[in-house]
Every structure is written in structure tokens, then in C-alpha cells.
Protein backbone atom coordinates (compact mmCIF):
# COMPACT_ATOMS: atom_id res chain seq x y z
CA MET A 1 30.95 -77.76 -67.56
CA SER A 2 32.49 -80.78 -69.55
CA TRP A 3 36.07 -81.03 -70.20
CA LEU A 4 35.55 -79.90 -74.01
CA HIS A 5 34.06 -76.58 -73.06
CA LEU A 6 36.58 -75.96 -70.53
CA ALA A 7 39.17 -76.91 -73.39
CA VAL A 8 37.55 -74.64 -75.95
CA GLY A 9 37.03 -71.69 -73.65
CA SER A 10 41.14 -71.95 -72.68
CA GLY A 11 41.91 -71.78 -76.51
CA ILE A 12 39.57 -68.51 -76.74
CA ALA A 13 40.82 -67.02 -73.61
CA ALA A 14 44.30 -67.58 -75.57
CA ALA A 15 43.66 -66.02 -78.34
CA PHE A 16 42.13 -62.76 -76.42
CA ASN A 17 45.05 -63.07 -74.01
CA GLY A 18 47.22 -62.62 -77.52
CA LEU A 19 45.11 -59.88 -78.87
CA PHE A 20 45.63 -57.65 -75.52
CA ALA A 21 49.17 -58.47 -75.61
CA LYS A 22 49.29 -57.19 -79.22
CA LEU A 23 47.06 -54.20 -78.65
CA THR A 24 49.41 -53.57 -75.64
CA THR A 25 52.05 -52.76 -78.03
CA THR A 26 50.94 -51.88 -81.49
CA VAL A 27 50.34 -48.64 -83.55
CA LEU A 28 46.60 -49.03 -83.46
CA THR A 29 46.54 -48.37 -79.86
CA THR A 30 47.66 -44.70 -80.53
CA SER A 31 44.96 -44.25 -83.07
CA LEU A 32 42.84 -45.60 -80.47
CA SER A 33 43.83 -43.49 -77.99
CA SER A 34 43.87 -40.33 -80.15
CA SER A 35 39.98 -41.24 -81.02
CA ILE A 36 39.47 -41.59 -77.38
CA ALA A 37 41.12 -38.15 -76.47
CA ARG A 38 39.11 -36.22 -79.20
CA LEU A 39 36.02 -37.92 -78.00
CA PHE A 40 36.87 -36.26 -73.94
CA SER A 41 38.13 -32.99 -75.87
CA LEU A 42 41.61 -33.44 -74.89
CA PRO A 43 44.54 -33.03 -77.20
CA ASP A 44 45.06 -36.16 -80.11
CA ASP A 45 48.64 -36.70 -78.83
CA SER A 46 47.95 -36.89 -75.18
CA LYS A 47 50.38 -39.41 -73.88
CA ALA A 48 48.13 -39.89 -70.89
CA VAL A 49 45.27 -41.21 -72.61
CA GLU A 50 47.38 -43.50 -74.40
CA PHE A 51 49.10 -44.62 -70.95
CA VAL A 52 45.79 -45.57 -69.95
CA VAL A 53 44.60 -47.40 -72.79
CA ARG A 54 47.60 -49.43 -72.86
CA GLY A 55 47.43 -50.18 -69.40
CA ILE A 56 43.69 -51.35 -69.80
CA PHE A 57 44.92 -53.53 -72.65
CA PHE A 58 47.75 -55.03 -70.62
CA GLY A 59 45.44 -55.45 -67.71
CA LEU A 60 43.23 -56.96 -69.88
CA ASN A 61 46.02 -59.35 -71.35
CA LEU A 62 46.83 -60.57 -67.78
CA LEU A 63 43.22 -61.09 -66.95
CA PHE A 64 42.57 -63.52 -69.96
CA ASN A 65 45.99 -65.24 -69.28
CA ALA A 66 44.88 -66.01 -65.93
CA ILE A 67 41.62 -67.34 -66.96
CA MET A 68 42.96 -69.44 -69.99
CA TRP A 69 45.42 -71.13 -67.46
CA GLY A 70 42.38 -71.87 -64.77
CA LEU A 71 40.19 -73.05 -67.91
CA PHE A 72 43.20 -75.13 -69.40
CA THR A 73 43.99 -76.77 -65.73
CA ALA A 74 40.27 -77.55 -65.17
CA ALA A 75 39.96 -79.14 -68.53
CA LEU A 76 43.29 -81.39 -67.78
CA ALA A 77 41.88 -82.41 -64.67
CA LYS A 78 38.39 -83.53 -65.97
CA GLY A 79 39.62 -84.55 -69.48
CA PRO A 80 40.29 -87.88 -70.81
CA THR A 81 43.99 -87.58 -71.96
CA ALA A 82 46.12 -84.13 -72.00
CA THR A 83 46.84 -84.91 -75.70
CA LYS A 84 42.91 -84.54 -76.18
CA VAL A 85 42.68 -81.10 -74.21
CA SER A 86 45.97 -80.01 -75.89
CA ILE A 87 44.20 -80.84 -79.54
CA VAL A 88 41.07 -78.89 -78.72
CA ASN A 89 42.80 -76.24 -77.10
CA THR A 90 45.04 -75.63 -79.69
CA SER A 91 42.40 -75.59 -82.42
CA ALA A 92 39.90 -73.28 -80.78
CA ASN A 93 43.34 -70.89 -80.44
CA PHE A 94 44.29 -70.92 -83.88
CA MET A 95 40.34 -70.40 -85.58
CA THR A 96 39.82 -67.83 -82.73
CA THR A 97 42.99 -66.07 -83.47
CA ALA A 98 42.77 -66.04 -87.30
CA LEU A 99 39.33 -64.26 -86.38
CA LEU A 100 40.25 -61.62 -84.25
CA GLY A 101 43.35 -60.70 -86.45
CA TRP A 102 40.69 -60.41 -89.59
CA ALA A 103 38.47 -58.50 -87.29
CA VAL A 104 40.48 -56.47 -85.33
CA PHE A 105 43.76 -55.64 -87.30
CA THR A 106 42.05 -56.28 -90.77
CA GLU A 107 44.82 -59.33 -91.53
CA SER A 108 44.04 -61.36 -94.56
CA LEU A 109 45.79 -64.63 -93.99
CA PRO A 110 47.13 -66.48 -97.01
CA PRO A 111 46.34 -69.83 -98.10
CA THR A 112 49.82 -71.22 -96.85
CA TRP A 113 48.40 -69.84 -92.98
CA TRP A 114 45.44 -71.77 -93.43
CA LEU A 115 47.53 -74.97 -94.95
CA GLY A 116 50.10 -74.67 -91.94
CA ALA A 117 47.29 -74.49 -89.29
CA GLY A 118 45.14 -77.34 -90.91
CA LEU A 119 48.31 -79.54 -91.11
CA LEU A 120 49.24 -78.50 -87.55
CA VAL A 121 45.56 -79.59 -86.41
CA VAL A 122 45.55 -83.05 -88.31
CA GLY A 123 48.96 -83.61 -86.71
CA ASN A 124 47.48 -82.97 -83.17
CA VAL A 125 44.29 -85.45 -83.97
CA ILE A 126 46.94 -88.20 -85.46
CA ILE A 127 49.40 -87.61 -82.19
CA GLY A 128 45.55 -87.84 -79.96
CA ARG A 129 44.63 -91.05 -81.84
CA ARG A 130 48.30 -92.70 -81.18
CA ASP A 131 47.88 -91.55 -77.69
CA GLU A 132 44.68 -93.71 -77.54
CA GLU A 133 45.75 -96.56 -79.24
CA ASP A 134 48.89 -96.80 -76.87
CA LYS A 135 46.61 -96.25 -73.54
CA LYS A 136 43.99 -99.25 -75.16
CA ASP A 137 47.65 -101.17 -75.75
CA GLY A 138 49.29 -100.77 -72.36
CA ALA A 139 45.89 -101.50 -70.51
CA TYR A 140 45.74 -104.44 -72.71
CA ARG A 141 49.28 -105.93 -71.77
CA ALA A 142 48.63 -104.99 -68.25
CA VAL A 143 45.89 -107.08 -68.02
CA ALA A 144 47.67 -109.82 -69.83
CA THR A 145 50.44 -109.61 -67.51
CA ASP A 146 48.64 -109.75 -64.33
CA GLU A 147 46.39 -112.80 -65.66
CA GLY A 148 49.88 -114.56 -66.48
CA GLU A 149 51.10 -113.88 -63.01
CA LEU A 150 47.97 -115.06 -61.43
CA ARG A 151 48.51 -118.62 -63.83
CA ALA A 152 51.98 -118.82 -62.58
CA ARG A 153 50.88 -118.77 -59.28
CA GLY A 154 48.21 -121.37 -59.71
CA GLY A 155 45.02 -118.93 -59.84
CA SER A 156 43.64 -117.02 -62.31
CA ALA A 157 41.86 -113.45 -62.72
CA GLU A 158 38.15 -114.72 -62.19
CA SER A 159 39.21 -116.98 -58.73
CA GLU A 160 41.65 -114.29 -57.16
CA SER A 161 40.81 -114.15 -53.56
CA ASP A 162 42.13 -112.63 -50.43
CA ASP A 163 42.97 -116.04 -48.59
CA GLY A 164 46.20 -115.50 -48.08
CA ASN A 165 47.79 -117.65 -50.47
CA ASP A 166 49.17 -114.79 -52.52
CA ALA A 167 53.35 -114.80 -51.74
CA GLU A 168 53.01 -111.01 -50.80
CA GLU A 169 50.30 -111.50 -48.46
CA GLY A 170 51.88 -114.69 -46.95
CA GLY A 171 54.85 -112.62 -46.52
CA ARG A 172 53.10 -109.72 -44.56
CA GLN A 173 51.37 -111.92 -41.98
CA ASN A 174 54.52 -113.88 -40.85
């Protein structure tokens, strides 16, 4: 799996983690428990059924939390930068959370939510690009510094060799 797939999967798992955490504590779960109790010819207000349903949701919460961290850690290990992985993860989490809220809780998100989510994603992209530019500038400075040090010692990047003329190497040989 590529880092991109892992980061998207991590974001989706994080959204499901949040969904099951909310289902562990919401009134919607009481309604669902009553329906399940009726299905098994139990009283509608069976606390045992509600306890089991909430326990299942809590277990799923923990499971998706573990999945999310596993995928996120793998994405960080394979990804080009932690910033890029975080951007993809956050974006996938936001969009999946919005869809799950609409599908499960019949939430409708106001335009200001979408605006805020969009600004967050744009901000993350800007930070990610800045991170890339800083990384490139830092690599250029490091190369330039190394070449400058070589020239100061009478060498060049093209003609560097292990002939013992380097001050560090000479010091270690004596």
C-alpha cells in the first residue's frame, strides 16, 4: 500500500472512531436498543440490551482507534513528509465525518461548516507546500555549504576522494 492509501484509510478510520464514540453515548443508541429488544421479543426499555449495544459501540470505537493509529503510523513511515500525511489524513477525516453525520445522525451542515472545513484544508495545503519549499531550500543550503567547505580545503565536490587529505581523516589516522 502506498502512503496515500494509508493516510486516507487512517482518516476514514478516525471518522468511524468518532462515530462509534458518539454512538456509545447518544440517545439514538437508546432508540436502536429498543428496536433490537423488540426484535427479540424483549421489553422496549431493556437496559441489558442497551448496555450490550453501547458496549459493542465502545468496542468498535477502540478497534477503529487502533486501526487509525496503525494506518497513520505506517503512512508516516512511508510518506514523503509528516505534513503531507497529516494533510491527507485530516482531509479524509473531515469529509468522512461530514458524510457519516449526514447518513447516521441526519445532520445537515451549514455553509459556514463547509467554509471552515475548506479553509482548514487550504491552510493545510499551504503549510504542506511551505514545508516542501523549506526542505528544498535546506537541501540546497546544505549542498552549497558542503561544496564551499571542500573548496576552502582545496577540493571540489567532483574530485572528493578518500586519500586521507581531509583534516578529519588525517586526524584519525595519526
